[in-house]
Amino acid sequence: MNIPPDRVLILASTSPRRRELLASLSIPFRVIPPEIEEDDLEGESPTDSALRLARAKARAVAPQVKRGLILGVDTVVTIDGDILGKPASPKEAKEMLSRLSSRTHQVISAMHLLSHPEGKFIEASPMTEVTFNHLTEAQIEAYVKSGEPLDKAGAYAIQGLGSVLVQSICGCYFNVVGLSLSVLAGMLARFGWEVL
């Protein structure tokens, strides 16, 4: 591992899953939660939305960092061009899961890696296709009762109980969890950080 000694990696995210994934690379980092409004803009594509929010997260914490690389990430679940955010209620979670049943949807985890204070940055928006099994009403009801879907985009967690809902994926598994480690490693390398 080759990491510039005068640099620190900042994760601009409140996601415990992203912290765990980043820690698995044994890269020293610290977390600064960003304070931004995570709103959708009318007519904006899911990819553009995820990139805009990832960019906003990184830039929101930049004033708190003297020198370093700042990573902003935003994950969206999308089907038929619609973004499925975190469900506001068990009823909405059931509606989302019913919509995903027996179908393929996309998960985009956009990343904005900002070198501060220079202002240089790299962006990526890897996408993974996820196909769900057919879900019965009883299965949806039981999963929603578990509580797991209520704070997850798309109303499921592939790394948890939601794994039994998934028939197959095409693309990076970690991207669905919230951070594509292979893509991130390539981005870091362009700033002189060699993970391996």
Protein backbone atom coordinates (compact mmCIF):
# COMPACT_ATOMS: atom_id res chain seq x y z
CA MET A 1 0.00 0.00 0.00
CA ASN A 2 1.35 3.41 -0.99
CA ILE A 3 -0.38 6.44 0.51
CA PRO A 4 1.03 9.99 0.45
CA PRO A 5 1.98 10.82 4.08
CA ASP A 6 0.66 14.38 3.91
CA ARG A 7 -2.81 13.32 2.83
CA VAL A 8 -5.90 12.16 4.65
CA LEU A 9 -8.99 10.53 3.17
CA ILE A 10 -12.29 12.00 4.33
CA LEU A 11 -15.55 10.09 3.89
CA ALA A 12 -18.38 12.60 3.53
CA SER A 13 -21.12 10.16 4.50
CA THR A 14 -23.21 9.08 7.47
CA SER A 15 -23.62 5.52 6.13
CA PRO A 16 -22.27 2.84 8.48
CA ARG A 17 -22.13 0.44 5.53
CA ARG A 18 -19.78 2.75 3.60
CA ARG A 19 -17.59 3.11 6.69
CA GLU A 20 -17.35 -0.68 6.98
CA LEU A 21 -16.55 -1.12 3.29
CA LEU A 22 -13.86 1.56 3.33
CA ALA A 23 -12.35 0.09 6.51
CA SER A 24 -12.06 -3.27 4.75
CA LEU A 25 -9.42 -1.73 2.46
CA SER A 26 -7.25 -0.85 5.50
CA ILE A 27 -6.96 2.74 4.27
CA PRO A 28 -6.74 5.35 7.04
CA PHE A 29 -9.73 7.66 6.86
CA ARG A 30 -12.03 9.75 8.97
CA VAL A 31 -15.69 10.62 8.65
CA ILE A 32 -17.20 14.09 8.41
CA PRO A 33 -21.00 13.94 7.98
CA PRO A 34 -22.17 16.33 5.25
CA GLU A 35 -25.08 18.65 5.84
CA ILE A 36 -26.99 18.96 2.56
CA GLU A 37 -30.55 18.77 1.32
CA GLU A 38 -30.97 15.46 -0.51
CA ASP A 39 -33.72 16.55 -2.89
CA ASP A 40 -34.68 15.32 -6.35
CA LEU A 41 -34.79 17.78 -9.23
CA GLU A 42 -37.58 17.48 -11.78
CA GLY A 43 -36.39 16.04 -15.07
CA GLU A 44 -33.01 14.95 -13.67
CA SER A 45 -31.86 11.43 -14.55
CA PRO A 46 -31.06 8.98 -11.71
CA THR A 47 -27.35 9.07 -12.65
CA ASP A 48 -27.24 12.88 -12.73
CA SER A 49 -29.07 13.01 -9.40
CA ALA A 50 -26.62 10.63 -7.73
CA LEU A 51 -23.60 12.50 -9.13
CA ARG A 52 -24.98 15.89 -8.07
CA LEU A 53 -25.58 14.70 -4.51
CA ALA A 54 -22.19 12.95 -4.27
CA ARG A 55 -20.54 16.19 -5.45
CA ALA A 56 -22.56 18.27 -2.97
CA LYS A 57 -21.59 15.99 -0.06
CA ALA A 58 -17.86 16.21 -0.82
CA ARG A 59 -17.94 19.97 -1.31
CA ALA A 60 -20.03 20.54 1.83
CA VAL A 61 -17.28 19.18 4.07
CA ALA A 62 -14.33 20.74 2.17
CA PRO A 63 -14.25 23.90 4.35
CA GLN A 64 -13.59 21.66 7.38
CA VAL A 65 -10.53 20.02 5.78
CA LYS A 66 -7.12 21.68 5.50
CA ARG A 67 -5.68 19.24 2.96
CA GLY A 68 -6.84 15.86 1.76
CA LEU A 69 -9.00 13.73 -0.49
CA ILE A 70 -12.73 13.99 0.17
CA LEU A 71 -15.08 11.23 -0.96
CA GLY A 72 -18.76 11.97 -1.47
CA VAL A 73 -21.05 9.06 -2.38
CA ASP A 74 -24.74 8.82 -3.17
CA THR A 75 -26.66 5.64 -3.95
CA VAL A 76 -29.92 5.56 -5.88
CA VAL A 77 -32.20 2.65 -6.69
CA THR A 78 -34.05 3.16 -9.95
CA ILE A 79 -36.65 1.32 -11.99
CA ASP A 80 -38.47 2.57 -15.11
CA GLY A 81 -36.50 5.80 -14.78
CA ASP A 82 -37.95 6.51 -11.32
CA ILE A 83 -35.80 6.86 -8.19
CA LEU A 84 -36.89 4.76 -5.22
CA GLY A 85 -35.67 6.53 -2.11
CA LYS A 86 -36.03 5.48 1.50
CA PRO A 87 -39.65 4.57 2.20
CA ALA A 88 -41.51 7.02 4.42
CA SER A 89 -43.75 4.31 5.89
CA PRO A 90 -44.28 0.52 5.97
CA LYS A 91 -47.01 1.02 3.36
CA GLU A 92 -44.58 2.73 0.99
CA ALA A 93 -41.98 -0.01 1.61
CA LYS A 94 -44.55 -2.64 0.61
CA GLU A 95 -45.37 -0.70 -2.55
CA MET A 96 -41.70 -0.47 -3.51
CA LEU A 97 -41.06 -4.16 -2.91
CA SER A 98 -44.15 -5.11 -4.91
CA ARG A 99 -42.86 -2.99 -7.77
CA LEU A 100 -39.42 -4.66 -7.65
CA SER A 101 -40.85 -8.21 -7.43
CA SER A 102 -39.88 -10.44 -10.42
CA ARG A 103 -38.16 -7.50 -12.12
CA THR A 104 -34.71 -6.07 -12.78
CA HIS A 105 -33.78 -2.66 -11.40
CA GLN A 106 -30.60 -0.60 -11.31
CA VAL A 107 -28.48 0.58 -8.39
CA ILE A 108 -26.12 3.51 -8.98
CA SER A 109 -23.55 4.51 -6.36
CA ALA A 110 -22.04 7.72 -7.69
CA MET A 111 -18.70 8.89 -6.30
CA HIS A 112 -17.05 12.31 -6.26
CA LEU A 113 -13.40 12.26 -5.14
CA LEU A 114 -12.17 15.79 -4.49
CA SER A 115 -8.54 16.80 -3.91
CA HIS A 116 -8.69 19.75 -1.52
CA PRO A 117 -7.61 22.54 -1.63
CA GLU A 118 -6.46 22.09 -5.25
CA GLY A 119 -10.02 21.53 -6.46
CA LYS A 120 -9.14 18.64 -8.76
CA PHE A 121 -11.73 15.86 -8.79
CA ILE A 122 -12.72 12.54 -10.36
CA GLU A 123 -16.27 11.26 -10.68
CA ALA A 124 -17.70 7.83 -11.41
CA SER A 125 -21.21 6.39 -11.41
CA PRO A 126 -20.97 2.57 -11.52
CA MET A 127 -24.28 0.77 -12.04
CA THR A 128 -25.33 -2.72 -11.00
CA GLU A 129 -28.43 -4.50 -12.23
CA VAL A 130 -30.37 -6.42 -9.57
CA THR A 131 -33.09 -8.94 -10.36
CA PHE A 132 -35.60 -9.86 -7.68
CA ASN A 133 -37.33 -13.17 -7.12
CA HIS A 134 -41.11 -13.25 -7.26
CA LEU A 135 -42.23 -12.00 -3.85
CA THR A 136 -45.50 -13.12 -2.30
CA GLU A 137 -47.57 -10.72 -0.24
CA ALA A 138 -46.69 -12.77 2.85
CA GLN A 139 -42.96 -12.45 2.13
CA ILE A 140 -43.24 -8.71 1.61
CA GLU A 141 -45.26 -8.36 4.81
CA ALA A 142 -42.71 -10.39 6.81
CA TYR A 143 -39.75 -8.46 5.42
CA VAL A 144 -41.32 -5.08 6.14
CA LYS A 145 -42.17 -6.25 9.70
CA SER A 146 -38.46 -7.01 10.23
CA GLY A 147 -37.86 -3.24 10.05
CA GLU A 148 -34.88 -3.58 7.72
CA PRO A 149 -36.45 -1.87 4.67
CA LEU A 150 -37.47 1.33 6.43
CA ASP A 151 -34.16 3.22 6.18
CA LYS A 152 -32.88 1.73 2.93
CA ALA A 153 -33.13 3.12 -0.59
CA GLY A 154 -35.44 0.87 -2.58
CA ALA A 155 -36.70 -0.66 0.69
CA TYR A 156 -34.13 -3.47 0.93
CA ALA A 157 -30.61 -4.27 2.11
CA ILE A 158 -28.77 -6.81 -0.04
CA GLN A 159 -26.22 -7.37 2.73
CA GLY A 160 -28.93 -8.29 5.24
CA LEU A 161 -32.18 -10.22 5.29
CA GLY A 162 -32.96 -8.62 1.93
CA SER A 163 -30.42 -10.98 0.36
CA VAL A 164 -33.14 -13.64 0.09
CA LEU A 165 -35.17 -11.35 -2.18
CA VAL A 166 -32.43 -11.22 -4.82
CA GLN A 167 -32.32 -13.72 -7.65
CA SER A 168 -29.18 -12.36 -9.34
CA ILE A 169 -27.00 -9.32 -9.89
CA CYS A 170 -24.99 -8.12 -12.88
CA GLY A 171 -22.15 -5.86 -11.81
CA CYS A 172 -20.43 -5.01 -8.53
CA TYR A 173 -22.06 -6.36 -5.37
CA PHE A 174 -20.41 -3.70 -3.20
CA ASN A 175 -21.95 -1.03 -5.42
CA VAL A 176 -25.38 -2.24 -4.26
CA VAL A 177 -24.25 -2.07 -0.62
CA GLY A 178 -23.22 1.54 -1.24
CA LEU A 179 -19.61 1.81 -2.47
CA SER A 180 -17.87 0.07 -5.38
CA LEU A 181 -14.46 -0.73 -3.90
CA SER A 182 -12.83 -1.67 -7.22
CA VAL A 183 -13.91 1.60 -8.86
CA LEU A 184 -12.79 3.58 -5.81
CA ALA A 185 -9.36 1.90 -5.86
CA GLY A 186 -8.91 3.02 -9.46
CA MET A 187 -9.93 6.57 -8.60
CA LEU A 188 -7.56 6.70 -5.63
CA ALA A 189 -4.70 5.44 -7.81
CA ARG A 190 -5.09 8.47 -10.04
CA PHE A 191 -4.26 10.62 -7.01
CA GLY A 192 -1.25 8.48 -6.09
CA TRP A 193 -2.96 6.23 -3.53
CA GLU A 194 -2.15 2.60 -4.32
CA VAL A 195 -4.42 0.23 -2.39
CA LEU A 196 -2.42 -2.85 -3.46
